[in-house]
């Protein structure tokens, strides 16, 4: 019989910079993601699941996340809620240069649920790092978000970036679900599983043949 997951909720970089600063999240809009982050935090606290709040630090004078600035401050949706552990980081992965792995080990956590920003940057780095360290990972797709990019590598909308990263995550690295469905699974102490690379690719071939 499968064992119930021992979850922790990791709330990544829900800071004013992403809501009203120079790096505004566009998809899903913060009007969607912020209430879902609050819902996930409340549901976790009610169920006794540890909540870890993460805050990104940049040097003073930096254009985004400058320590002490308004943009650096946690958004009230997170700042006004309790946390079991708090982490300040300077790199994308929440594991890099922090005590996260040791804290999780001390609390016998085996499954990480990721919410916060950004889908394709700090969330992605943390998901990959956690998977490589042997943790199971879940991502709440409507409690995260992306913004658009344009550089020498190409151009992509926030919707494209969020959708593609969620698709890639669920193919191998993390079970991608909605906040509502996660709350149900969490209360039932039921594990959520990702897909796999082979089947994710096979479906595209079947769809092409059917067309």
N, C-alpha and C. Protein backbone atom coordinates (compact mmCIF):
# COMPACT_ATOMS: atom_id res chain seq x y z
N UNK A 1 0.85 -1.19 0.00
CA UNK A 1 0.00 0.00 0.00
C UNK A 1 0.89 1.24 0.00
N UNK A 2 0.64 2.20 -0.93
CA UNK A 2 1.51 3.38 -0.99
C UNK A 2 1.38 4.23 0.27
N UNK A 3 2.49 4.82 0.67
CA UNK A 3 2.48 5.68 1.85
C UNK A 3 1.99 7.07 1.48
N UNK A 4 1.42 7.76 2.44
CA UNK A 4 0.96 9.13 2.20
C UNK A 4 2.15 10.06 2.08
N UNK A 5 2.06 11.04 1.18
CA UNK A 5 3.18 11.98 1.05
C UNK A 5 3.34 12.84 2.29
N UNK A 6 4.58 13.14 2.62
CA UNK A 6 4.88 14.08 3.70
C UNK A 6 5.26 15.39 3.03
N UNK A 7 4.27 16.26 2.91
CA UNK A 7 4.41 17.47 2.12
C UNK A 7 4.94 18.67 2.91
N UNK A 8 5.56 19.57 2.17
CA UNK A 8 5.79 20.94 2.63
C UNK A 8 5.40 21.85 1.49
N UNK A 9 4.80 22.98 1.82
CA UNK A 9 4.42 23.98 0.82
C UNK A 9 5.53 25.03 0.74
N UNK A 10 6.12 25.19 -0.45
CA UNK A 10 7.19 26.16 -0.65
C UNK A 10 6.62 27.37 -1.39
N UNK A 11 6.59 28.51 -0.72
CA UNK A 11 6.01 29.74 -1.28
C UNK A 11 7.17 30.62 -1.74
N UNK A 12 7.38 30.68 -3.05
CA UNK A 12 8.60 31.27 -3.60
C UNK A 12 8.38 32.71 -4.08
N UNK A 13 9.09 33.64 -3.47
CA UNK A 13 9.26 35.01 -3.96
C UNK A 13 7.96 35.72 -4.29
N UNK A 14 6.99 35.63 -3.41
CA UNK A 14 5.74 36.38 -3.63
C UNK A 14 5.97 37.79 -3.07
N UNK A 15 6.68 38.57 -3.85
CA UNK A 15 7.15 39.89 -3.45
C UNK A 15 6.50 40.97 -4.31
N UNK A 16 6.46 42.19 -3.78
CA UNK A 16 5.78 43.28 -4.47
C UNK A 16 6.33 43.53 -5.87
N UNK A 17 7.59 43.21 -6.10
CA UNK A 17 8.20 43.41 -7.42
C UNK A 17 7.38 42.74 -8.52
N UNK A 18 6.82 41.58 -8.22
CA UNK A 18 6.07 40.82 -9.22
C UNK A 18 4.61 41.28 -9.35
N UNK A 19 4.18 42.11 -8.43
CA UNK A 19 2.78 42.53 -8.42
C UNK A 19 2.62 43.98 -8.87
N UNK A 20 3.49 44.85 -8.39
CA UNK A 20 3.36 46.27 -8.70
C UNK A 20 4.70 46.92 -9.03
N UNK A 21 5.73 46.10 -9.28
CA UNK A 21 7.06 46.63 -9.54
C UNK A 21 7.47 46.55 -11.00
N UNK A 22 8.75 46.33 -11.23
CA UNK A 22 9.31 46.32 -12.59
C UNK A 22 9.20 44.96 -13.28
N UNK A 23 8.78 43.92 -12.54
CA UNK A 23 8.66 42.57 -13.12
C UNK A 23 7.25 42.04 -12.87
N UNK A 24 6.28 42.66 -13.47
CA UNK A 24 4.89 42.31 -13.19
C UNK A 24 4.49 41.01 -13.89
N UNK A 25 4.01 40.08 -13.10
CA UNK A 25 3.54 38.79 -13.62
C UNK A 25 2.31 39.03 -14.50
N UNK A 26 2.29 38.36 -15.66
CA UNK A 26 1.19 38.55 -16.60
C UNK A 26 0.30 37.32 -16.77
N UNK A 27 0.87 36.11 -16.68
CA UNK A 27 0.04 34.92 -16.90
C UNK A 27 0.48 33.78 -15.98
N UNK A 28 -0.49 33.17 -15.27
CA UNK A 28 -1.83 33.70 -15.04
C UNK A 28 -1.73 35.06 -14.34
N UNK A 29 -2.72 35.93 -14.51
CA UNK A 29 -2.64 37.24 -13.85
C UNK A 29 -2.60 37.10 -12.34
N UNK A 30 -2.00 38.09 -11.69
CA UNK A 30 -1.88 38.01 -10.23
C UNK A 30 -3.24 38.00 -9.54
N UNK A 31 -4.26 38.52 -10.23
CA UNK A 31 -5.61 38.46 -9.67
C UNK A 31 -6.09 37.01 -9.50
N UNK A 32 -5.47 36.10 -10.25
CA UNK A 32 -5.75 34.67 -10.12
C UNK A 32 -4.77 34.00 -9.16
N UNK A 33 -3.48 34.24 -9.38
CA UNK A 33 -2.47 33.50 -8.62
C UNK A 33 -2.41 33.89 -7.15
N UNK A 34 -2.53 35.17 -6.84
CA UNK A 34 -2.39 35.59 -5.44
C UNK A 34 -3.47 34.97 -4.53
N UNK A 35 -4.75 35.02 -4.89
CA UNK A 35 -5.75 34.36 -4.03
C UNK A 35 -5.50 32.86 -3.89
N UNK A 36 -5.01 32.22 -4.95
CA UNK A 36 -4.73 30.79 -4.87
C UNK A 36 -3.54 30.49 -3.97
N UNK A 37 -2.55 31.37 -3.98
CA UNK A 37 -1.43 31.21 -3.04
C UNK A 37 -1.93 31.30 -1.61
N UNK A 38 -2.78 32.28 -1.35
CA UNK A 38 -3.37 32.39 -0.01
C UNK A 38 -4.19 31.17 0.36
N UNK A 39 -4.96 30.66 -0.59
CA UNK A 39 -5.77 29.46 -0.35
C UNK A 39 -4.89 28.27 -0.02
N UNK A 40 -3.81 28.09 -0.79
CA UNK A 40 -2.90 26.97 -0.53
C UNK A 40 -2.25 27.08 0.85
N UNK A 41 -1.84 28.30 1.21
CA UNK A 41 -1.22 28.50 2.52
C UNK A 41 -2.21 28.19 3.65
N UNK A 42 -3.44 28.66 3.50
CA UNK A 42 -4.45 28.42 4.54
C UNK A 42 -4.77 26.93 4.67
N UNK A 43 -4.92 26.26 3.52
CA UNK A 43 -5.24 24.83 3.54
C UNK A 43 -4.10 24.02 4.13
N UNK A 44 -2.87 24.39 3.81
CA UNK A 44 -1.72 23.70 4.36
C UNK A 44 -1.65 23.88 5.88
N UNK A 45 -1.82 25.11 6.33
CA UNK A 45 -1.77 25.38 7.77
C UNK A 45 -2.85 24.61 8.51
N UNK A 46 -4.04 24.56 7.92
CA UNK A 46 -5.15 23.84 8.54
C UNK A 46 -4.86 22.35 8.66
N UNK A 47 -4.13 21.81 7.66
CA UNK A 47 -3.83 20.39 7.64
C UNK A 47 -2.52 20.04 8.37
N UNK A 48 -1.85 21.03 8.90
CA UNK A 48 -0.60 20.77 9.60
C UNK A 48 0.58 20.54 8.68
N UNK A 49 0.47 20.99 7.44
CA UNK A 49 1.57 20.87 6.48
C UNK A 49 2.48 22.09 6.63
N UNK A 50 3.78 21.89 6.80
CA UNK A 50 4.68 23.03 6.97
C UNK A 50 4.65 23.97 5.77
N UNK A 51 4.68 25.27 6.07
CA UNK A 51 4.73 26.31 5.05
C UNK A 51 6.08 27.00 5.13
N UNK A 52 6.80 27.00 4.02
CA UNK A 52 8.11 27.64 3.95
C UNK A 52 8.01 28.85 3.03
N UNK A 53 8.28 30.02 3.55
CA UNK A 53 8.18 31.26 2.79
C UNK A 53 9.58 31.71 2.37
N UNK A 54 9.73 31.98 1.08
CA UNK A 54 11.03 32.31 0.50
C UNK A 54 11.01 33.75 -0.03
N UNK A 55 12.10 34.46 0.17
CA UNK A 55 12.23 35.85 -0.27
C UNK A 55 13.57 36.03 -0.96
N UNK A 56 13.52 36.61 -2.17
CA UNK A 56 14.75 36.81 -2.94
C UNK A 56 15.40 38.15 -2.57
N UNK A 57 16.70 38.12 -2.33
CA UNK A 57 17.47 39.32 -1.98
C UNK A 57 18.39 39.72 -3.12
N UNK A 58 18.37 41.01 -3.47
CA UNK A 58 19.35 41.58 -4.40
C UNK A 58 20.06 42.73 -3.68
N UNK A 59 21.24 43.10 -4.14
CA UNK A 59 21.98 44.17 -3.47
C UNK A 59 21.23 45.51 -3.51
N UNK A 60 21.52 46.36 -2.54
CA UNK A 60 20.93 47.71 -2.53
C UNK A 60 21.29 48.43 -3.83
N UNK A 61 20.32 49.14 -4.38
CA UNK A 61 20.53 49.86 -5.62
C UNK A 61 20.25 49.05 -6.87
N UNK A 62 20.03 47.74 -6.72
CA UNK A 62 19.71 46.88 -7.86
C UNK A 62 18.32 47.25 -8.37
N UNK A 63 18.07 47.15 -9.71
CA UNK A 63 16.78 47.60 -10.24
C UNK A 63 15.58 46.78 -9.79
N UNK A 64 15.80 45.54 -9.37
CA UNK A 64 14.70 44.70 -8.86
C UNK A 64 15.16 43.96 -7.60
N UNK A 65 14.23 43.81 -6.66
CA UNK A 65 14.46 43.05 -5.43
C UNK A 65 15.60 43.61 -4.55
N UNK A 66 15.88 44.90 -4.67
CA UNK A 66 16.91 45.50 -3.83
C UNK A 66 16.50 45.37 -2.36
N UNK A 67 17.35 44.77 -1.58
CA UNK A 67 17.02 44.49 -0.18
C UNK A 67 16.62 45.77 0.55
N UNK A 68 15.47 45.73 1.21
CA UNK A 68 14.95 46.88 1.93
C UNK A 68 13.98 47.73 1.14
N UNK A 69 13.91 47.50 -0.17
CA UNK A 69 13.02 48.30 -1.02
C UNK A 69 11.59 47.79 -0.93
N UNK A 70 10.65 48.60 -1.45
CA UNK A 70 9.25 48.17 -1.45
C UNK A 70 9.06 46.94 -2.32
N UNK A 71 9.72 46.89 -3.47
CA UNK A 71 9.62 45.74 -4.35
C UNK A 71 10.14 44.46 -3.73
N UNK A 72 11.09 44.57 -2.84
CA UNK A 72 11.67 43.41 -2.15
C UNK A 72 10.74 42.84 -1.09
N UNK A 73 9.88 43.68 -0.55
CA UNK A 73 9.00 43.24 0.54
C UNK A 73 8.05 42.14 0.07
N UNK A 74 7.75 41.21 0.96
CA UNK A 74 6.75 40.19 0.67
C UNK A 74 5.39 40.84 0.47
N UNK A 75 4.63 40.35 -0.51
CA UNK A 75 3.28 40.85 -0.70
C UNK A 75 2.44 40.48 0.51
N UNK A 76 1.44 41.31 0.79
CA UNK A 76 0.64 41.12 2.01
C UNK A 76 -0.07 39.77 2.04
N UNK A 77 -0.38 39.19 0.88
CA UNK A 77 -1.07 37.90 0.86
C UNK A 77 -0.23 36.82 1.56
N UNK A 78 1.10 37.01 1.55
CA UNK A 78 2.01 36.09 2.23
C UNK A 78 2.49 36.67 3.55
N UNK A 79 2.81 37.96 3.56
CA UNK A 79 3.36 38.58 4.77
C UNK A 79 2.39 38.50 5.94
N UNK A 80 1.10 38.50 5.65
CA UNK A 80 0.10 38.49 6.72
C UNK A 80 -0.28 37.08 7.17
N UNK A 81 0.38 36.07 6.61
CA UNK A 81 0.09 34.68 7.01
C UNK A 81 1.31 34.08 7.70
N UNK A 82 1.09 33.12 8.60
CA UNK A 82 2.22 32.52 9.33
C UNK A 82 3.02 31.58 8.44
N UNK A 83 4.26 31.39 8.83
CA UNK A 83 5.15 30.44 8.15
C UNK A 83 5.88 29.61 9.19
N UNK A 84 6.17 28.36 8.84
CA UNK A 84 6.92 27.49 9.74
C UNK A 84 8.42 27.68 9.60
N UNK A 85 8.82 28.19 8.44
CA UNK A 85 10.24 28.43 8.20
C UNK A 85 10.36 29.52 7.15
N UNK A 86 11.37 30.37 7.28
CA UNK A 86 11.59 31.46 6.33
C UNK A 86 13.00 31.38 5.77
N UNK A 87 13.10 31.62 4.47
CA UNK A 87 14.39 31.53 3.78
C UNK A 87 14.60 32.77 2.93
N UNK A 88 15.79 33.34 3.04
CA UNK A 88 16.21 34.39 2.11
C UNK A 88 17.26 33.79 1.20
N UNK A 89 17.13 34.06 -0.10
CA UNK A 89 18.05 33.47 -1.07
C UNK A 89 18.57 34.53 -2.02
N UNK A 90 19.66 34.20 -2.70
CA UNK A 90 20.25 35.12 -3.68
C UNK A 90 20.37 34.48 -5.06
N UNK A 91 20.03 33.19 -5.16
CA UNK A 91 20.07 32.50 -6.43
C UNK A 91 18.69 31.93 -6.76
N UNK A 92 18.54 31.38 -7.96
CA UNK A 92 17.22 30.96 -8.40
C UNK A 92 16.67 29.81 -7.57
N UNK A 93 17.43 28.74 -7.42
CA UNK A 93 16.96 27.59 -6.65
C UNK A 93 16.89 27.92 -5.17
N UNK A 94 15.78 27.54 -4.54
CA UNK A 94 15.65 27.76 -3.10
C UNK A 94 16.65 26.91 -2.32
N UNK A 95 17.16 25.86 -2.94
CA UNK A 95 18.16 25.01 -2.29
C UNK A 95 19.55 25.63 -2.27
N UNK A 96 19.85 26.48 -3.24
CA UNK A 96 21.22 26.97 -3.44
C UNK A 96 21.61 27.98 -2.35
N UNK A 97 22.59 27.60 -1.54
CA UNK A 97 23.11 28.49 -0.52
C UNK A 97 22.20 28.70 0.67
N UNK A 98 21.22 27.80 0.86
CA UNK A 98 20.29 27.93 1.99
C UNK A 98 20.27 26.64 2.82
N UNK A 99 19.47 26.66 3.88
CA UNK A 99 19.37 25.49 4.74
C UNK A 99 18.16 24.62 4.40
N UNK A 100 17.57 24.81 3.21
CA UNK A 100 16.32 24.12 2.89
C UNK A 100 16.46 22.60 2.98
N UNK A 101 17.47 22.03 2.36
CA UNK A 101 17.59 20.57 2.35
C UNK A 101 17.72 20.02 3.77
N UNK A 102 18.49 20.68 4.60
CA UNK A 102 18.66 20.23 5.97
C UNK A 102 17.35 20.33 6.75
N UNK A 103 16.61 21.41 6.52
CA UNK A 103 15.35 21.60 7.22
C UNK A 103 14.34 20.53 6.81
N UNK A 104 14.28 20.26 5.52
CA UNK A 104 13.36 19.23 5.02
C UNK A 104 13.72 17.86 5.58
N UNK A 105 15.00 17.55 5.63
CA UNK A 105 15.45 16.28 6.16
C UNK A 105 15.09 16.14 7.65
N UNK A 106 15.29 17.21 8.39
CA UNK A 106 15.00 17.19 9.82
C UNK A 106 13.52 16.99 10.09
N UNK A 107 12.67 17.38 9.13
CA UNK A 107 11.22 17.26 9.29
C UNK A 107 10.65 16.12 8.45
N UNK A 108 11.53 15.26 7.95
CA UNK A 108 11.18 14.06 7.17
C UNK A 108 10.18 14.35 6.05
N UNK A 109 10.42 15.43 5.33
CA UNK A 109 9.58 15.81 4.19
C UNK A 109 10.07 15.07 2.95
N UNK A 110 9.13 14.52 2.17
CA UNK A 110 9.53 13.86 0.92
C UNK A 110 8.87 14.45 -0.33
N UNK A 111 7.91 15.37 -0.13
CA UNK A 111 7.17 15.94 -1.25
C UNK A 111 7.08 17.45 -1.09
N UNK A 112 7.46 18.18 -2.14
CA UNK A 112 7.41 19.64 -2.11
C UNK A 112 6.32 20.13 -3.05
N UNK A 113 5.47 21.01 -2.53
CA UNK A 113 4.45 21.67 -3.34
C UNK A 113 4.91 23.10 -3.58
N UNK A 114 5.02 23.47 -4.86
CA UNK A 114 5.59 24.76 -5.23
C UNK A 114 4.50 25.72 -5.66
N UNK A 115 4.51 26.92 -5.05
CA UNK A 115 3.71 28.05 -5.51
C UNK A 115 4.61 29.28 -5.53
N UNK A 116 4.17 30.32 -6.22
CA UNK A 116 4.94 31.55 -6.25
C UNK A 116 5.58 31.79 -7.61
N UNK A 117 6.58 32.63 -7.63
CA UNK A 117 7.08 33.18 -8.90
C UNK A 117 8.60 32.99 -9.06
N UNK A 118 9.09 32.92 -10.29
CA UNK A 118 8.32 32.78 -11.53
C UNK A 118 8.34 31.34 -11.99
N UNK A 119 7.32 30.94 -12.72
CA UNK A 119 7.21 29.57 -13.21
C UNK A 119 8.51 29.08 -13.82
N UNK A 120 9.10 29.91 -14.68
CA UNK A 120 10.21 29.50 -15.53
C UNK A 120 11.58 29.81 -14.95
N UNK A 121 11.63 30.45 -13.80
CA UNK A 121 12.93 30.85 -13.24
C UNK A 121 13.16 30.18 -11.88
N UNK A 122 12.74 30.82 -10.80
CA UNK A 122 13.01 30.25 -9.48
C UNK A 122 12.19 28.99 -9.22
N UNK A 123 10.95 28.96 -9.73
CA UNK A 123 10.18 27.72 -9.59
C UNK A 123 10.87 26.58 -10.33
N UNK A 124 11.27 26.85 -11.58
CA UNK A 124 11.91 25.82 -12.40
C UNK A 124 13.21 25.34 -11.76
N UNK A 125 14.05 26.27 -11.33
CA UNK A 125 15.33 25.89 -10.74
C UNK A 125 15.12 25.04 -9.49
N UNK A 126 14.14 25.40 -8.69
CA UNK A 126 13.85 24.65 -7.46
C UNK A 126 13.29 23.27 -7.78
N UNK A 127 12.41 23.19 -8.77
CA UNK A 127 11.83 21.91 -9.17
C UNK A 127 12.91 20.95 -9.64
N UNK A 128 13.78 21.42 -10.52
CA UNK A 128 14.86 20.56 -11.03
C UNK A 128 15.79 20.12 -9.90
N UNK A 129 16.15 21.06 -9.04
CA UNK A 129 17.05 20.77 -7.93
C UNK A 129 16.41 19.73 -6.99
N UNK A 130 15.15 19.94 -6.68
CA UNK A 130 14.45 19.01 -5.77
C UNK A 130 14.36 17.61 -6.36
N UNK A 131 14.03 17.54 -7.64
CA UNK A 131 13.92 16.24 -8.30
C UNK A 131 15.25 15.50 -8.28
N UNK A 132 16.33 16.21 -8.56
CA UNK A 132 17.65 15.58 -8.58
C UNK A 132 18.09 15.15 -7.19
N UNK A 133 17.53 15.80 -6.17
CA UNK A 133 17.85 15.42 -4.79
C UNK A 133 16.91 14.35 -4.23
N UNK A 134 16.00 13.84 -5.08
CA UNK A 134 15.17 12.72 -4.67
C UNK A 134 13.80 13.07 -4.10
N UNK A 135 13.42 14.35 -4.14
CA UNK A 135 12.10 14.73 -3.65
C UNK A 135 11.06 14.56 -4.75
N UNK A 136 9.83 14.23 -4.36
CA UNK A 136 8.71 14.35 -5.27
C UNK A 136 8.24 15.79 -5.25
N UNK A 137 7.75 16.26 -6.39
CA UNK A 137 7.43 17.68 -6.51
C UNK A 137 6.05 17.85 -7.13
N UNK A 138 5.33 18.87 -6.65
CA UNK A 138 4.04 19.27 -7.20
C UNK A 138 4.10 20.76 -7.49
N UNK A 139 3.48 21.17 -8.59
CA UNK A 139 3.40 22.59 -8.95
C UNK A 139 1.93 22.96 -9.12
N UNK A 140 1.51 24.03 -8.46
CA UNK A 140 0.14 24.51 -8.60
C UNK A 140 0.13 25.57 -9.70
N UNK A 141 -0.38 25.19 -10.87
CA UNK A 141 -0.22 26.02 -12.06
C UNK A 141 -0.97 27.34 -11.99
N UNK A 142 -2.02 27.41 -11.19
CA UNK A 142 -2.77 28.67 -11.07
C UNK A 142 -2.36 29.46 -9.84
N UNK A 143 -1.28 29.05 -9.19
CA UNK A 143 -0.72 29.78 -8.05
C UNK A 143 0.74 30.14 -8.34
N UNK A 144 1.07 30.21 -9.62
CA UNK A 144 2.40 30.59 -10.09
C UNK A 144 2.19 31.59 -11.23
N UNK A 145 3.24 31.97 -11.93
CA UNK A 145 3.04 32.89 -13.04
C UNK A 145 4.32 33.24 -13.76
N UNK A 146 4.14 33.78 -14.96
CA UNK A 146 5.26 34.13 -15.83
C UNK A 146 5.06 35.53 -16.40
N UNK A 147 6.12 36.05 -17.00
CA UNK A 147 6.06 37.31 -17.72
C UNK A 147 6.73 37.11 -19.08
N UNK A 148 6.50 38.00 -20.04
CA UNK A 148 7.05 37.79 -21.39
C UNK A 148 8.52 38.13 -21.48
N UNK A 149 9.20 37.51 -22.45
CA UNK A 149 10.61 37.76 -22.71
C UNK A 149 10.85 38.08 -24.18
N UNK A 150 11.87 38.89 -24.42
CA UNK A 150 12.41 39.06 -25.77
C UNK A 150 13.90 39.31 -25.65
N UNK A 151 14.68 38.46 -26.30
CA UNK A 151 16.13 38.60 -26.28
C UNK A 151 16.72 37.93 -27.52
N UNK A 152 18.03 37.77 -27.55
CA UNK A 152 18.69 37.19 -28.73
C UNK A 152 18.24 35.76 -29.00
N UNK A 153 17.71 35.10 -27.99
CA UNK A 153 17.25 33.73 -28.16
C UNK A 153 15.86 33.63 -28.76
N UNK A 154 15.11 34.71 -28.74
CA UNK A 154 13.77 34.67 -29.30
C UNK A 154 12.81 35.54 -28.52
N UNK A 155 11.53 35.33 -28.79
CA UNK A 155 10.47 36.10 -28.15
C UNK A 155 9.35 35.15 -27.74
N UNK A 156 8.83 35.34 -26.54
CA UNK A 156 7.75 34.47 -26.05
C UNK A 156 6.85 35.24 -25.12
N UNK A 157 5.55 35.00 -25.24
CA UNK A 157 4.59 35.64 -24.35
C UNK A 157 4.59 34.96 -23.00
N UNK A 158 4.01 35.62 -22.02
CA UNK A 158 3.90 35.03 -20.69
C UNK A 158 3.09 33.75 -20.73
N UNK A 159 2.03 33.75 -21.53
CA UNK A 159 1.19 32.55 -21.64
C UNK A 159 1.98 31.39 -22.22
N UNK A 160 2.77 31.66 -23.27
CA UNK A 160 3.57 30.60 -23.89
C UNK A 160 4.59 30.04 -22.91
N UNK A 161 5.28 30.92 -22.23
CA UNK A 161 6.31 30.47 -21.28
C UNK A 161 5.69 29.62 -20.18
N UNK A 162 4.59 30.10 -19.59
CA UNK A 162 3.96 29.36 -18.50
C UNK A 162 3.45 28.00 -18.98
N UNK A 163 2.78 27.99 -20.12
CA UNK A 163 2.21 26.75 -20.64
C UNK A 163 3.30 25.74 -20.99
N UNK A 164 4.35 26.18 -21.65
CA UNK A 164 5.41 25.26 -22.06
C UNK A 164 6.15 24.71 -20.84
N UNK A 165 6.47 25.55 -19.88
CA UNK A 165 7.16 25.05 -18.70
C UNK A 165 6.29 24.08 -17.90
N UNK A 166 5.00 24.40 -17.77
CA UNK A 166 4.11 23.46 -17.05
C UNK A 166 4.04 22.13 -17.77
N UNK A 167 4.00 22.15 -19.10
CA UNK A 167 3.96 20.92 -19.89
C UNK A 167 5.23 20.11 -19.69
N UNK A 168 6.36 20.77 -19.71
CA UNK A 168 7.65 20.09 -19.51
C UNK A 168 7.75 19.54 -18.09
N UNK A 169 7.38 20.35 -17.12
CA UNK A 169 7.42 19.87 -15.73
C UNK A 169 6.62 18.58 -15.59
N UNK A 170 5.39 18.57 -16.11
CA UNK A 170 4.51 17.41 -15.89
C UNK A 170 4.97 16.19 -16.67
N UNK A 171 5.82 16.38 -17.67
CA UNK A 171 6.32 15.24 -18.43
C UNK A 171 7.33 14.41 -17.66
N UNK A 172 7.87 14.97 -16.57
CA UNK A 172 8.96 14.25 -15.91
C UNK A 172 9.30 14.73 -14.51
N UNK A 173 9.16 16.02 -14.24
CA UNK A 173 9.76 16.59 -13.04
C UNK A 173 8.80 16.88 -11.90
N UNK A 174 7.55 17.17 -12.21
CA UNK A 174 6.60 17.57 -11.16
C UNK A 174 5.17 17.28 -11.60
N UNK A 175 4.35 16.92 -10.66
CA UNK A 175 2.92 16.77 -10.93
C UNK A 175 2.31 18.17 -10.97
N UNK A 176 1.78 18.55 -12.11
CA UNK A 176 1.20 19.88 -12.28
C UNK A 176 -0.31 19.78 -12.10
N UNK A 177 -0.85 20.61 -11.22
CA UNK A 177 -2.28 20.55 -10.93
C UNK A 177 -2.77 21.93 -10.55
N UNK A 178 -4.07 22.06 -10.32
CA UNK A 178 -4.63 23.33 -9.86
C UNK A 178 -4.66 23.37 -8.34
N UNK A 179 -4.80 24.55 -7.82
CA UNK A 179 -4.87 24.69 -6.36
C UNK A 179 -6.06 23.93 -5.79
N UNK A 180 -7.21 24.06 -6.44
CA UNK A 180 -8.42 23.38 -5.97
C UNK A 180 -8.22 21.86 -5.91
N UNK A 181 -7.65 21.29 -6.97
CA UNK A 181 -7.45 19.83 -7.00
C UNK A 181 -6.38 19.41 -6.00
N UNK A 182 -5.37 20.26 -5.81
CA UNK A 182 -4.32 19.94 -4.83
C UNK A 182 -4.89 19.91 -3.41
N UNK A 183 -5.75 20.85 -3.09
CA UNK A 183 -6.33 20.89 -1.75
C UNK A 183 -7.10 19.60 -1.47
N UNK A 184 -7.83 19.12 -2.47
CA UNK A 184 -8.57 17.86 -2.31
C UNK A 184 -7.60 16.70 -2.06
N UNK A 185 -6.57 16.60 -2.92
CA UNK A 185 -5.59 15.52 -2.77
C UNK A 185 -4.85 15.61 -1.44
N UNK A 186 -4.51 16.83 -1.05
CA UNK A 186 -3.79 17.03 0.21
C UNK A 186 -4.64 16.59 1.39
N UNK A 187 -5.91 16.95 1.38
CA UNK A 187 -6.79 16.57 2.50
C UNK A 187 -7.03 15.07 2.54
N UNK A 188 -6.97 14.43 1.36
CA UNK A 188 -7.13 12.97 1.28
C UNK A 188 -5.80 12.25 1.50
N UNK A 189 -4.74 13.03 1.72
CA UNK A 189 -3.38 12.48 1.88
C UNK A 189 -3.01 11.59 0.70
N UNK A 190 -3.39 12.05 -0.48
CA UNK A 190 -3.18 11.30 -1.72
C UNK A 190 -2.04 11.90 -2.52
N UNK A 191 -1.15 11.04 -3.01
CA UNK A 191 -0.03 11.50 -3.82
C UNK A 191 -0.50 11.88 -5.22
N UNK A 192 0.15 12.86 -5.80
CA UNK A 192 -0.08 13.26 -7.19
C UNK A 192 1.15 12.89 -8.00
N UNK A 193 0.95 12.35 -9.18
CA UNK A 193 2.07 11.85 -9.98
C UNK A 193 2.19 12.62 -11.30
N UNK A 194 3.41 12.85 -11.75
CA UNK A 194 3.60 13.43 -13.08
C UNK A 194 3.38 12.38 -14.15
N UNK A 195 3.38 12.81 -15.38
CA UNK A 195 3.31 11.92 -16.53
C UNK A 195 4.72 11.38 -16.79
N UNK A 196 5.01 10.95 -18.01
CA UNK A 196 6.39 10.60 -18.36
C UNK A 196 6.70 11.08 -19.77
N UNK A 197 7.97 11.13 -20.08
CA UNK A 197 8.42 11.70 -21.35
C UNK A 197 7.85 10.92 -22.54
N UNK A 198 7.90 9.59 -22.45
CA UNK A 198 7.46 8.76 -23.57
C UNK A 198 5.99 9.01 -23.90
N UNK A 199 5.12 8.92 -22.89
CA UNK A 199 3.69 9.09 -23.14
C UNK A 199 3.36 10.53 -23.54
N UNK A 200 4.06 11.49 -22.96
CA UNK A 200 3.82 12.89 -23.34
C UNK A 200 4.11 13.11 -24.81
N UNK A 201 5.15 12.48 -25.31
CA UNK A 201 5.47 12.59 -26.73
C UNK A 201 4.54 11.75 -27.59
N UNK A 202 4.21 10.54 -27.11
CA UNK A 202 3.37 9.64 -27.89
C UNK A 202 2.01 10.26 -28.19
N UNK A 203 1.45 10.99 -27.26
CA UNK A 203 0.14 11.60 -27.49
C UNK A 203 0.17 12.58 -28.66
N UNK A 204 1.28 13.28 -28.83
CA UNK A 204 1.36 14.23 -29.94
C UNK A 204 1.38 13.47 -31.28
N UNK A 205 1.99 12.29 -31.31
CA UNK A 205 2.02 11.50 -32.53
C UNK A 205 0.64 10.95 -32.86
N UNK A 206 -0.08 10.51 -31.84
CA UNK A 206 -1.42 10.01 -32.06
C UNK A 206 -2.35 11.11 -32.53
N UNK A 207 -2.18 12.31 -31.96
CA UNK A 207 -3.00 13.44 -32.39
C UNK A 207 -2.73 13.81 -33.82
N UNK A 208 -1.44 13.70 -34.23
CA UNK A 208 -1.07 14.02 -35.60
C UNK A 208 -1.66 13.01 -36.57
N UNK A 209 -1.64 11.73 -36.19
CA UNK A 209 -2.20 10.68 -37.04
C UNK A 209 -3.71 10.85 -37.17
N UNK A 210 -4.37 11.17 -36.05
CA UNK A 210 -5.82 11.34 -36.06
C UNK A 210 -6.23 12.51 -36.93
N UNK A 211 -5.38 13.55 -36.96
CA UNK A 211 -5.70 14.73 -37.78
C UNK A 211 -5.55 14.43 -39.25
